Amino acid sequence: MWTRNDTRPTRYRGILFRSGLEAKVAAELDDLGVSEWEYELPWSKTVKLPHGGTLEYLPDFTFLAPHQYPELALPRGLR
């Protein structure tokens, strides 16, 4: 269940995450043995949109092997 605390900046493993949700996901990744991840690398990712345009965004996490870019979002009522 989502709580308002999930929207507050939270520190985990010395990293300041923008939200408690992101910190929880980082802890879960560690618990699952996914050790090769980085949080918000200092570059954006360009994505091609279905209608032909592009969008640049900063992925929350980058899995270093293989490169994957999961994005997290809270339900609208909790943002």
Foldseek 3Di string as FASTA:
>chain_A
DDDLQQQPFDDDPNDTARGVVLNVVVVVCVVVVQPQKDAQDVAWDWDADPVGRIDTDTAGMFRVVVTDGDHDDDPPVND
